[in-house]
């Protein structure tokens, strides 16, 4: 699913059955540090916990140069819930452009 298809999705039934991470706006914060904001959507069908979003930034030769991770708010997501995240990179001075996002999570088995 590409970012261009994302605004056209009307219901969770049309989303893939997985935990989805999407990067949104990229820019600079008030201190001049690069930021990337985005969302995580739980459409796996069960509650997930310990959600962590990872970011890999590539240089012009497609070589990874930055690897960072953050915990979205909230990090416990029931089915259909949405969390938001922000990456603020203090050791990187360019706008975040060529990147890859992925998400790690665990099933919340506390009610099983």
C-alpha atoms as a PDB file:
ATOM      1  CA  UNK A   1       0.000   0.000   0.000  1.00  0.00           C
ATOM      2  CA  UNK A   2       1.588   3.253  -1.088  1.00  0.00           C
ATOM      3  CA  UNK A   3       1.164   6.617   0.599  1.00  0.00           C
ATOM      4  CA  UNK A   4      -0.867   7.802  -2.405  1.00  0.00           C
ATOM      5  CA  UNK A   5      -3.526   5.133  -1.729  1.00  0.00           C
ATOM      6  CA  UNK A   6      -3.790   5.960   1.974  1.00  0.00           C
ATOM      7  CA  UNK A   7      -6.206   8.965   1.812  1.00  0.00           C
ATOM      8  CA  UNK A   8      -8.633   6.956  -0.350  1.00  0.00           C
ATOM      9  CA  UNK A   9      -9.198   4.276   2.291  1.00  0.00           C
ATOM     10  CA  UNK A  10     -12.624   4.770   3.813  1.00  0.00           C
ATOM     11  CA  UNK A  11     -12.972   1.877   6.257  1.00  0.00           C
ATOM     12  CA  UNK A  12     -10.730  -0.463   8.209  1.00  0.00           C
ATOM     13  CA  UNK A  13     -12.117  -3.383   6.197  1.00  0.00           C
ATOM     14  CA  UNK A  14     -10.214  -2.066   3.168  1.00  0.00           C
ATOM     15  CA  UNK A  15      -6.910  -1.847   5.048  1.00  0.00           C
ATOM     16  CA  UNK A  16      -4.510  -4.813   5.016  1.00  0.00           C
ATOM     17  CA  UNK A  17      -4.739  -7.065   8.098  1.00  0.00           C
ATOM     18  CA  UNK A  18      -1.536  -5.847   9.751  1.00  0.00           C
ATOM     19  CA  UNK A  19      -0.115  -3.102  11.923  1.00  0.00           C
ATOM     20  CA  UNK A  20       0.442  -0.233   9.494  1.00  0.00           C
ATOM     21  CA  UNK A  21       2.995   2.553   9.875  1.00  0.00           C
ATOM     22  CA  UNK A  22       2.887   5.673   7.705  1.00  0.00           C
ATOM     23  CA  UNK A  23       5.222   8.636   7.662  1.00  0.00           C
ATOM     24  CA  UNK A  24       3.563  11.962   7.243  1.00  0.00           C
ATOM     25  CA  UNK A  25       5.078  15.404   7.327  1.00  0.00           C
ATOM     26  CA  UNK A  26       8.829  15.855   7.292  1.00  0.00           C
ATOM     27  CA  UNK A  27      10.425  19.168   8.154  1.00  0.00           C
ATOM     28  CA  UNK A  28      12.356  20.999  10.837  1.00  0.00           C
ATOM     29  CA  UNK A  29      11.314  21.847  14.393  1.00  0.00           C
ATOM     30  CA  UNK A  30      11.743  25.243  16.094  1.00  0.00           C
ATOM     31  CA  UNK A  31      15.349  24.378  17.023  1.00  0.00           C
ATOM     32  CA  UNK A  32      16.196  23.563  13.400  1.00  0.00           C
ATOM     33  CA  UNK A  33      16.384  19.791  13.920  1.00  0.00           C
ATOM     34  CA  UNK A  34      14.863  17.485  11.288  1.00  0.00           C
ATOM     35  CA  UNK A  35      11.568  15.851  12.255  1.00  0.00           C
ATOM     36  CA  UNK A  36       9.361  13.145  10.799  1.00  0.00           C
ATOM     37  CA  UNK A  37       5.802  12.680  12.037  1.00  0.00           C
ATOM     38  CA  UNK A  38       3.471   9.808  11.296  1.00  0.00           C
ATOM     39  CA  UNK A  39       0.856   7.363  12.498  1.00  0.00           C
ATOM     40  CA  UNK A  40       0.497   3.693  13.383  1.00  0.00           C
ATOM     41  CA  UNK A  41      -2.817   1.899  12.753  1.00  0.00           C
ATOM     42  CA  UNK A  42      -3.634  -1.438  14.341  1.00  0.00           C
ATOM     43  CA  UNK A  43      -5.688  -3.516  11.897  1.00  0.00           C
ATOM     44  CA  UNK A  44      -4.366  -6.938  12.944  1.00  0.00           C
ATOM     45  CA  UNK A  45      -7.631  -7.927  14.602  1.00  0.00           C
ATOM     46  CA  UNK A  46      -6.236  -8.102  18.160  1.00  0.00           C
ATOM     47  CA  UNK A  47      -4.855  -5.658  20.706  1.00  0.00           C
ATOM     48  CA  UNK A  48      -1.104  -5.078  20.383  1.00  0.00           C
ATOM     49  CA  UNK A  49       1.343  -3.726  22.961  1.00  0.00           C
ATOM     50  CA  UNK A  50       4.964  -2.568  23.166  1.00  0.00           C
ATOM     51  CA  UNK A  51       4.676  -0.904  19.782  1.00  0.00           C
ATOM     52  CA  UNK A  52       7.957   0.569  18.518  1.00  0.00           C
ATOM     53  CA  UNK A  53       8.499   2.424  15.241  1.00  0.00           C
ATOM     54  CA  UNK A  54      11.933   2.260  13.582  1.00  0.00           C
ATOM     55  CA  UNK A  55      13.334   4.655  11.003  1.00  0.00           C
ATOM     56  CA  UNK A  56      16.168   4.001   8.555  1.00  0.00           C
ATOM     57  CA  UNK A  57      17.480   6.892   6.460  1.00  0.00           C
ATOM     58  CA  UNK A  58      19.437   6.202   3.268  1.00  0.00           C
ATOM     59  CA  UNK A  59      22.027   8.362   1.527  1.00  0.00           C
ATOM     60  CA  UNK A  60      22.101   9.063  -2.212  1.00  0.00           C
ATOM     61  CA  UNK A  61      23.729   5.630  -2.818  1.00  0.00           C
ATOM     62  CA  UNK A  62      20.905   3.820  -0.963  1.00  0.00           C
ATOM     63  CA  UNK A  63      23.229   2.995   1.954  1.00  0.00           C
ATOM     64  CA  UNK A  64      21.670   3.231   5.437  1.00  0.00           C
ATOM     65  CA  UNK A  65      23.188   6.136   7.362  1.00  0.00           C
ATOM     66  CA  UNK A  66      20.748   6.628  10.275  1.00  0.00           C
ATOM     67  CA  UNK A  67      18.825   4.089  12.318  1.00  0.00           C
ATOM     68  CA  UNK A  68      16.503   5.343  15.058  1.00  0.00           C
ATOM     69  CA  UNK A  69      13.434   4.107  16.905  1.00  0.00           C
ATOM     70  CA  UNK A  70      10.700   5.630  19.017  1.00  0.00           C
ATOM     71  CA  UNK A  71       7.605   4.580  20.929  1.00  0.00           C
ATOM     72  CA  UNK A  72       4.335   5.996  19.572  1.00  0.00           C
ATOM     73  CA  UNK A  73       1.673   7.507  21.780  1.00  0.00           C
ATOM     74  CA  UNK A  74      -0.095   5.325  22.882  1.00  0.00           C
ATOM     75  CA  UNK A  75       2.008   2.146  22.664  1.00  0.00           C
ATOM     76  CA  UNK A  76      -0.949  -0.156  23.483  1.00  0.00           C
ATOM     77  CA  UNK A  77      -3.366  -0.281  20.557  1.00  0.00           C
ATOM     78  CA  UNK A  78      -6.722  -2.069  20.473  1.00  0.00           C
ATOM     79  CA  UNK A  79      -8.062  -3.145  17.078  1.00  0.00           C
ATOM     80  CA  UNK A  80      -8.710  -0.053  14.959  1.00  0.00           C
ATOM     81  CA  UNK A  81      -6.749   2.320  17.201  1.00  0.00           C
ATOM     82  CA  UNK A  82      -4.346   4.916  15.858  1.00  0.00           C
ATOM     83  CA  UNK A  83      -1.152   6.158  17.523  1.00  0.00           C
ATOM     84  CA  UNK A  84       1.129   9.021  16.515  1.00  0.00           C
ATOM     85  CA  UNK A  85       4.904   9.291  16.579  1.00  0.00           C
ATOM     86  CA  UNK A  86       7.597  11.923  16.045  1.00  0.00           C
ATOM     87  CA  UNK A  87      11.242  11.389  15.191  1.00  0.00           C
ATOM     88  CA  UNK A  88      13.491  14.348  16.059  1.00  0.00           C
ATOM     89  CA  UNK A  89      17.062  13.729  14.941  1.00  0.00           C
ATOM     90  CA  UNK A  90      19.701  15.731  16.784  1.00  0.00           C
ATOM     91  CA  UNK A  91      22.715  14.260  14.933  1.00  0.00           C
ATOM     92  CA  UNK A  92      21.356  14.680  11.416  1.00  0.00           C
ATOM     93  CA  UNK A  93      21.182  18.042   9.633  1.00  0.00           C
ATOM     94  CA  UNK A  94      19.232  17.355   6.410  1.00  0.00           C
ATOM     95  CA  UNK A  95      15.519  17.012   5.808  1.00  0.00           C
ATOM     96  CA  UNK A  96      14.333  13.419   6.176  1.00  0.00           C
ATOM     97  CA  UNK A  97      13.564  12.352   2.609  1.00  0.00           C
ATOM     98  CA  UNK A  98      14.821   8.892   1.564  1.00  0.00           C
ATOM     99  CA  UNK A  99      13.690   6.671   4.440  1.00  0.00           C
ATOM    100  CA  UNK A 100      12.058   3.391   5.417  1.00  0.00           C
ATOM    101  CA  UNK A 101       9.710   2.898   8.384  1.00  0.00           C
ATOM    102  CA  UNK A 102       8.792  -0.365  10.055  1.00  0.00           C
ATOM    103  CA  UNK A 103       6.982  -1.298  13.239  1.00  0.00           C
ATOM    104  CA  UNK A 104       7.573  -3.965  15.900  1.00  0.00           C
ATOM    105  CA  UNK A 105       4.889  -5.036  18.363  1.00  0.00           C
ATOM    106  CA  UNK A 106       3.668  -7.888  20.557  1.00  0.00           C
ATOM    107  CA  UNK A 107       0.209  -9.335  20.997  1.00  0.00           C
ATOM    108  CA  UNK A 108      -1.464  -8.185  24.199  1.00  0.00           C
ATOM    109  CA  UNK A 109      -2.266 -11.586  25.665  1.00  0.00           C
ATOM    110  CA  UNK A 110      -3.312 -10.305  29.109  1.00  0.00           C
ATOM    111  CA  UNK A 111      -6.967 -11.286  28.485  1.00  0.00           C
ATOM    112  CA  UNK A 112      -6.313 -14.684  26.915  1.00  0.00           C
END
